[in-house]
N, C-alpha and C. Protein backbone atom coordinates (compact mmCIF):
# COMPACT_ATOMS: atom_id res chain seq x y z
N MET A 1 -15.43 -6.93 -2.85
CA MET A 1 -14.73 -6.09 -1.90
C MET A 1 -14.66 -4.64 -2.42
N VAL A 2 -14.18 -4.51 -3.65
CA VAL A 2 -14.05 -3.17 -4.22
C VAL A 2 -15.41 -2.51 -4.31
N ALA A 3 -16.41 -3.30 -4.70
CA ALA A 3 -17.77 -2.75 -4.80
C ALA A 3 -18.25 -2.27 -3.44
N GLY A 4 -17.99 -3.03 -2.38
CA GLY A 4 -18.41 -2.63 -1.04
C GLY A 4 -17.72 -1.37 -0.58
N ILE A 5 -16.44 -1.26 -0.83
CA ILE A 5 -15.69 -0.08 -0.42
C ILE A 5 -16.09 1.12 -1.26
N SER A 6 -16.43 0.88 -2.53
CA SER A 6 -16.80 2.01 -3.38
C SER A 6 -18.07 2.69 -2.89
N LEU A 7 -18.90 1.98 -2.14
CA LEU A 7 -20.08 2.61 -1.56
C LEU A 7 -19.70 3.65 -0.51
N LEU A 8 -18.53 3.50 0.08
CA LEU A 8 -18.07 4.44 1.09
C LEU A 8 -17.25 5.59 0.49
N ARG A 9 -16.92 5.49 -0.77
CA ARG A 9 -16.08 6.49 -1.42
C ARG A 9 -16.95 7.63 -1.95
N THR A 10 -16.53 8.84 -1.69
CA THR A 10 -17.30 9.99 -2.16
C THR A 10 -17.03 10.26 -3.64
N GLY A 11 -17.98 10.90 -4.29
CA GLY A 11 -17.90 11.15 -5.72
C GLY A 11 -16.72 11.99 -6.15
N GLU A 12 -16.31 12.95 -5.33
CA GLU A 12 -15.22 13.84 -5.75
C GLU A 12 -13.87 13.13 -5.85
N LEU A 13 -13.76 11.95 -5.26
CA LEU A 13 -12.50 11.20 -5.35
C LEU A 13 -12.37 10.47 -6.68
N GLY A 14 -13.46 10.30 -7.40
CA GLY A 14 -13.42 9.65 -8.72
C GLY A 14 -13.20 8.15 -8.63
N ALA A 15 -12.85 7.58 -9.76
CA ALA A 15 -12.64 6.13 -9.86
C ALA A 15 -11.37 5.73 -9.10
N PHE A 16 -11.34 4.47 -8.70
CA PHE A 16 -10.14 3.95 -8.03
C PHE A 16 -8.97 3.95 -9.00
N THR A 17 -7.80 4.31 -8.51
CA THR A 17 -6.59 4.22 -9.33
C THR A 17 -6.13 2.78 -9.35
N SER A 18 -5.23 2.45 -10.25
CA SER A 18 -4.71 1.07 -10.31
C SER A 18 -3.97 0.72 -9.02
N THR A 19 -3.31 1.68 -8.41
CA THR A 19 -2.62 1.44 -7.13
C THR A 19 -3.63 1.12 -6.03
N GLU A 20 -4.71 1.89 -5.99
CA GLU A 20 -5.74 1.64 -4.98
C GLU A 20 -6.39 0.27 -5.19
N LYS A 21 -6.65 -0.10 -6.42
CA LYS A 21 -7.23 -1.41 -6.72
C LYS A 21 -6.28 -2.52 -6.26
N HIS A 22 -5.00 -2.33 -6.52
CA HIS A 22 -4.01 -3.32 -6.10
C HIS A 22 -4.00 -3.45 -4.57
N LEU A 23 -4.05 -2.34 -3.87
CA LEU A 23 -4.08 -2.37 -2.40
C LEU A 23 -5.32 -3.07 -1.88
N LEU A 24 -6.46 -2.82 -2.51
CA LEU A 24 -7.69 -3.49 -2.11
C LEU A 24 -7.59 -4.99 -2.33
N GLN A 25 -7.05 -5.39 -3.48
CA GLN A 25 -6.87 -6.82 -3.76
C GLN A 25 -5.93 -7.44 -2.74
N SER A 26 -4.90 -6.72 -2.35
CA SER A 26 -3.94 -7.23 -1.36
C SER A 26 -4.60 -7.42 0.00
N ALA A 27 -5.62 -6.62 0.29
CA ALA A 27 -6.28 -6.69 1.59
C ALA A 27 -7.26 -7.86 1.69
N LEU A 28 -7.71 -8.41 0.57
CA LEU A 28 -8.70 -9.47 0.59
C LEU A 28 -8.29 -10.67 1.45
N PRO A 29 -7.08 -11.22 1.29
CA PRO A 29 -6.71 -12.36 2.13
C PRO A 29 -6.73 -12.03 3.62
N LEU A 30 -6.33 -10.82 3.96
CA LEU A 30 -6.32 -10.41 5.36
C LEU A 30 -7.75 -10.34 5.91
N ILE A 31 -8.66 -9.82 5.11
CA ILE A 31 -10.06 -9.76 5.54
C ILE A 31 -10.64 -11.15 5.67
N ASP A 32 -10.36 -12.02 4.69
CA ASP A 32 -10.83 -13.40 4.79
C ASP A 32 -10.26 -14.08 6.02
N LEU A 33 -8.98 -13.86 6.27
CA LEU A 33 -8.34 -14.46 7.44
C LEU A 33 -8.96 -13.95 8.73
N SER A 34 -9.21 -12.66 8.81
CA SER A 34 -9.78 -12.12 10.04
C SER A 34 -11.16 -12.70 10.31
N LEU A 35 -11.93 -12.94 9.25
CA LEU A 35 -13.24 -13.58 9.42
C LEU A 35 -13.08 -15.03 9.85
N SER A 36 -12.03 -15.68 9.34
CA SER A 36 -11.83 -17.09 9.68
C SER A 36 -11.35 -17.30 11.10
N LEU A 37 -10.86 -16.26 11.75
CA LEU A 37 -10.34 -16.41 13.10
C LEU A 37 -11.42 -16.34 14.17
N LEU A 38 -12.65 -16.15 13.74
CA LEU A 38 -13.75 -16.17 14.69
C LEU A 38 -13.87 -17.58 15.26
N PRO A 39 -14.37 -17.74 16.49
CA PRO A 39 -14.44 -19.07 17.09
C PRO A 39 -15.22 -20.09 16.27
N GLU A 40 -16.28 -19.66 15.60
CA GLU A 40 -17.04 -20.57 14.76
C GLU A 40 -16.84 -20.17 13.32
N VAL A 41 -16.57 -21.17 12.50
CA VAL A 41 -16.29 -20.92 11.10
C VAL A 41 -17.43 -21.46 10.26
N ALA A 42 -18.09 -20.60 9.55
CA ALA A 42 -19.11 -21.01 8.58
C ALA A 42 -19.60 -19.79 7.84
N ARG A 43 -19.96 -19.99 6.63
CA ARG A 43 -20.57 -18.94 5.83
C ARG A 43 -22.08 -19.16 5.90
N PRO A 44 -22.87 -18.16 5.49
CA PRO A 44 -24.32 -18.34 5.51
C PRO A 44 -24.73 -19.60 4.76
N GLY A 45 -25.53 -20.42 5.41
CA GLY A 45 -25.98 -21.67 4.80
C GLY A 45 -25.09 -22.84 5.14
N GLY A 46 -23.89 -22.57 5.62
CA GLY A 46 -22.99 -23.64 6.00
C GLY A 46 -23.24 -24.04 7.45
N VAL A 47 -22.44 -24.96 7.93
CA VAL A 47 -22.58 -25.46 9.29
C VAL A 47 -21.53 -24.80 10.17
N ALA A 48 -21.94 -24.23 11.32
CA ALA A 48 -20.99 -23.63 12.25
C ALA A 48 -20.21 -24.75 12.92
N LEU A 49 -18.92 -24.55 13.08
CA LEU A 49 -18.04 -25.55 13.65
C LEU A 49 -16.99 -24.84 14.49
N THR A 50 -16.81 -25.26 15.72
CA THR A 50 -15.82 -24.62 16.57
C THR A 50 -14.44 -25.18 16.25
N LEU A 51 -13.56 -24.30 15.79
CA LEU A 51 -12.19 -24.67 15.44
C LEU A 51 -11.23 -23.75 16.19
N THR A 52 -9.99 -24.21 16.34
CA THR A 52 -8.96 -23.34 16.88
C THR A 52 -8.67 -22.26 15.84
N ARG A 53 -7.95 -21.22 16.23
CA ARG A 53 -7.59 -20.17 15.27
C ARG A 53 -6.83 -20.74 14.10
N ARG A 54 -5.87 -21.61 14.36
CA ARG A 54 -5.04 -22.18 13.29
C ARG A 54 -5.88 -23.10 12.40
N GLU A 55 -6.76 -23.89 13.00
CA GLU A 55 -7.63 -24.75 12.21
C GLU A 55 -8.53 -23.92 11.30
N ALA A 56 -9.08 -22.84 11.84
CA ALA A 56 -9.94 -21.96 11.04
C ALA A 56 -9.16 -21.34 9.89
N GLU A 57 -7.93 -20.95 10.18
CA GLU A 57 -7.07 -20.36 9.16
C GLU A 57 -6.83 -21.37 8.04
N ILE A 58 -6.51 -22.60 8.40
CA ILE A 58 -6.24 -23.64 7.42
C ILE A 58 -7.50 -24.01 6.65
N ALA A 59 -8.64 -24.11 7.34
CA ALA A 59 -9.90 -24.42 6.65
C ALA A 59 -10.22 -23.36 5.61
N THR A 60 -9.98 -22.11 5.94
CA THR A 60 -10.22 -21.03 4.98
C THR A 60 -9.26 -21.12 3.80
N MET A 61 -8.02 -21.48 4.06
CA MET A 61 -7.05 -21.63 2.98
C MET A 61 -7.42 -22.80 2.07
N VAL A 62 -7.90 -23.88 2.66
CA VAL A 62 -8.37 -25.03 1.87
C VAL A 62 -9.53 -24.59 0.99
N ALA A 63 -10.46 -23.83 1.56
CA ALA A 63 -11.61 -23.34 0.79
C ALA A 63 -11.16 -22.43 -0.35
N GLY A 64 -10.03 -21.75 -0.15
CA GLY A 64 -9.48 -20.89 -1.19
C GLY A 64 -8.70 -21.64 -2.24
N GLY A 65 -8.58 -22.96 -2.08
CA GLY A 65 -7.91 -23.78 -3.09
C GLY A 65 -6.43 -24.03 -2.83
N ASP A 66 -5.92 -23.62 -1.67
CA ASP A 66 -4.50 -23.82 -1.39
C ASP A 66 -4.20 -25.29 -1.11
N SER A 67 -3.10 -25.77 -1.67
CA SER A 67 -2.63 -27.13 -1.41
C SER A 67 -1.94 -27.16 -0.06
N ASN A 68 -1.67 -28.36 0.43
CA ASN A 68 -0.96 -28.49 1.71
C ASN A 68 0.41 -27.80 1.65
N LYS A 69 1.10 -27.95 0.52
CA LYS A 69 2.43 -27.33 0.39
C LYS A 69 2.34 -25.81 0.40
N VAL A 70 1.33 -25.26 -0.23
CA VAL A 70 1.14 -23.81 -0.24
C VAL A 70 0.81 -23.32 1.17
N ILE A 71 -0.03 -24.07 1.87
CA ILE A 71 -0.37 -23.72 3.25
C ILE A 71 0.90 -23.71 4.11
N CYS A 72 1.76 -24.71 3.93
CA CYS A 72 3.03 -24.77 4.67
C CYS A 72 3.85 -23.50 4.44
N ARG A 73 3.99 -23.13 3.18
CA ARG A 73 4.80 -21.95 2.85
C ARG A 73 4.20 -20.68 3.43
N LYS A 74 2.88 -20.52 3.28
CA LYS A 74 2.23 -19.30 3.75
C LYS A 74 2.28 -19.16 5.27
N LEU A 75 2.15 -20.29 5.97
CA LEU A 75 2.11 -20.24 7.43
C LEU A 75 3.46 -20.50 8.09
N GLY A 76 4.44 -20.94 7.30
CA GLY A 76 5.76 -21.22 7.86
C GLY A 76 5.76 -22.42 8.79
N ILE A 77 4.96 -23.44 8.44
CA ILE A 77 4.90 -24.66 9.25
C ILE A 77 5.23 -25.86 8.36
N GLU A 78 5.49 -26.99 8.99
CA GLU A 78 5.87 -28.19 8.27
C GLU A 78 4.65 -28.95 7.76
N LEU A 79 4.86 -29.75 6.71
CA LEU A 79 3.78 -30.52 6.10
C LEU A 79 3.07 -31.46 7.09
N PRO A 80 3.79 -32.19 7.95
CA PRO A 80 3.07 -33.04 8.92
C PRO A 80 2.15 -32.24 9.84
N THR A 81 2.53 -31.01 10.15
CA THR A 81 1.68 -30.16 11.00
C THR A 81 0.39 -29.81 10.28
N VAL A 82 0.49 -29.46 9.01
CA VAL A 82 -0.71 -29.15 8.22
C VAL A 82 -1.61 -30.38 8.17
N LYS A 83 -1.01 -31.54 7.92
CA LYS A 83 -1.80 -32.77 7.83
C LYS A 83 -2.49 -33.09 9.15
N THR A 84 -1.81 -32.84 10.26
CA THR A 84 -2.43 -33.07 11.58
C THR A 84 -3.61 -32.14 11.79
N HIS A 85 -3.44 -30.86 11.45
CA HIS A 85 -4.54 -29.90 11.56
C HIS A 85 -5.72 -30.33 10.69
N LEU A 86 -5.44 -30.74 9.46
CA LEU A 86 -6.51 -31.16 8.57
C LEU A 86 -7.23 -32.39 9.11
N LYS A 87 -6.48 -33.32 9.67
CA LYS A 87 -7.09 -34.52 10.26
C LYS A 87 -8.06 -34.13 11.37
N ARG A 88 -7.65 -33.21 12.23
CA ARG A 88 -8.51 -32.74 13.32
C ARG A 88 -9.73 -31.98 12.79
N ILE A 89 -9.52 -31.16 11.78
CA ILE A 89 -10.62 -30.41 11.17
C ILE A 89 -11.64 -31.39 10.58
N PHE A 90 -11.14 -32.39 9.83
CA PHE A 90 -12.02 -33.39 9.23
C PHE A 90 -12.82 -34.13 10.30
N GLN A 91 -12.15 -34.48 11.41
CA GLN A 91 -12.83 -35.19 12.50
C GLN A 91 -13.93 -34.31 13.10
N LYS A 92 -13.62 -33.06 13.37
CA LYS A 92 -14.61 -32.15 13.96
C LYS A 92 -15.79 -31.93 13.02
N ALA A 93 -15.51 -31.87 11.73
CA ALA A 93 -16.56 -31.62 10.73
C ALA A 93 -17.29 -32.89 10.33
N GLY A 94 -16.72 -34.04 10.67
CA GLY A 94 -17.33 -35.30 10.28
C GLY A 94 -17.27 -35.56 8.79
N VAL A 95 -16.13 -35.18 8.20
CA VAL A 95 -15.94 -35.36 6.75
C VAL A 95 -14.67 -36.15 6.49
N GLY A 96 -14.52 -36.59 5.24
CA GLY A 96 -13.35 -37.37 4.89
C GLY A 96 -12.50 -36.77 3.79
N SER A 97 -12.91 -35.59 3.29
CA SER A 97 -12.14 -34.98 2.20
C SER A 97 -12.25 -33.46 2.24
N ARG A 98 -11.38 -32.83 1.48
CA ARG A 98 -11.38 -31.37 1.37
C ARG A 98 -12.68 -30.88 0.75
N THR A 99 -13.14 -31.60 -0.27
CA THR A 99 -14.37 -31.22 -0.95
C THR A 99 -15.56 -31.26 0.00
N GLU A 100 -15.65 -32.32 0.79
CA GLU A 100 -16.74 -32.41 1.77
C GLU A 100 -16.64 -31.29 2.80
N LEU A 101 -15.41 -30.98 3.23
CA LEU A 101 -15.21 -29.91 4.21
C LEU A 101 -15.72 -28.58 3.67
N ILE A 102 -15.31 -28.24 2.47
CA ILE A 102 -15.73 -26.98 1.86
C ILE A 102 -17.24 -26.93 1.73
N SER A 103 -17.81 -28.02 1.29
CA SER A 103 -19.26 -28.08 1.13
C SER A 103 -19.97 -27.89 2.46
N LYS A 104 -19.48 -28.56 3.48
CA LYS A 104 -20.14 -28.51 4.79
C LYS A 104 -20.00 -27.14 5.46
N LEU A 105 -18.82 -26.54 5.36
CA LEU A 105 -18.57 -25.30 6.09
C LEU A 105 -18.92 -24.03 5.31
N PHE A 106 -18.73 -24.06 4.02
CA PHE A 106 -18.76 -22.81 3.29
C PHE A 106 -19.84 -22.66 2.23
N LEU A 107 -20.45 -23.74 1.80
CA LEU A 107 -21.42 -23.63 0.72
C LEU A 107 -22.84 -23.59 1.27
N VAL A 108 -23.68 -22.91 0.57
CA VAL A 108 -25.08 -22.80 0.99
C VAL A 108 -25.75 -24.15 0.75
N ALA A 109 -26.38 -24.65 1.78
CA ALA A 109 -27.10 -25.92 1.68
C ALA A 109 -28.47 -25.67 1.04
N HIS A 110 -28.86 -26.57 0.18
CA HIS A 110 -30.17 -26.45 -0.48
C HIS A 110 -31.10 -27.49 0.08
C-alpha cells in the first residue's frame, strides 16, 4: 500500500513521516473492506463467488485471520449470526472449512 501511494508522492515532499505511515496503515482495512464489498469476491487466480455485502465482509475478515469472536466485536453482531453467515458462505463456495474457503476465494490456483 505504502509503496503504491509513494508512486503518487512528489519528490519535494520527501519520505513519509511516522504519522503518515500510521495513517496509511490505518487505511488498509478500509481499502480491503471496500474491495470485499464488490458483488463478486475473489482475488486473481481465485474463484469468483457472488456473496452479500456482509458475507463478503466476513469472508475477507476470515482471510485476514480473524476469529469468529473478533468478527463479532468488529462488526457488532452476535456469534450465532457470524456462524450463520459462515455456513452460507461455505455452502455457496462448496467448502467445509475456513482454510478451504481462503484457498478457493483468495489464493492463486496452480
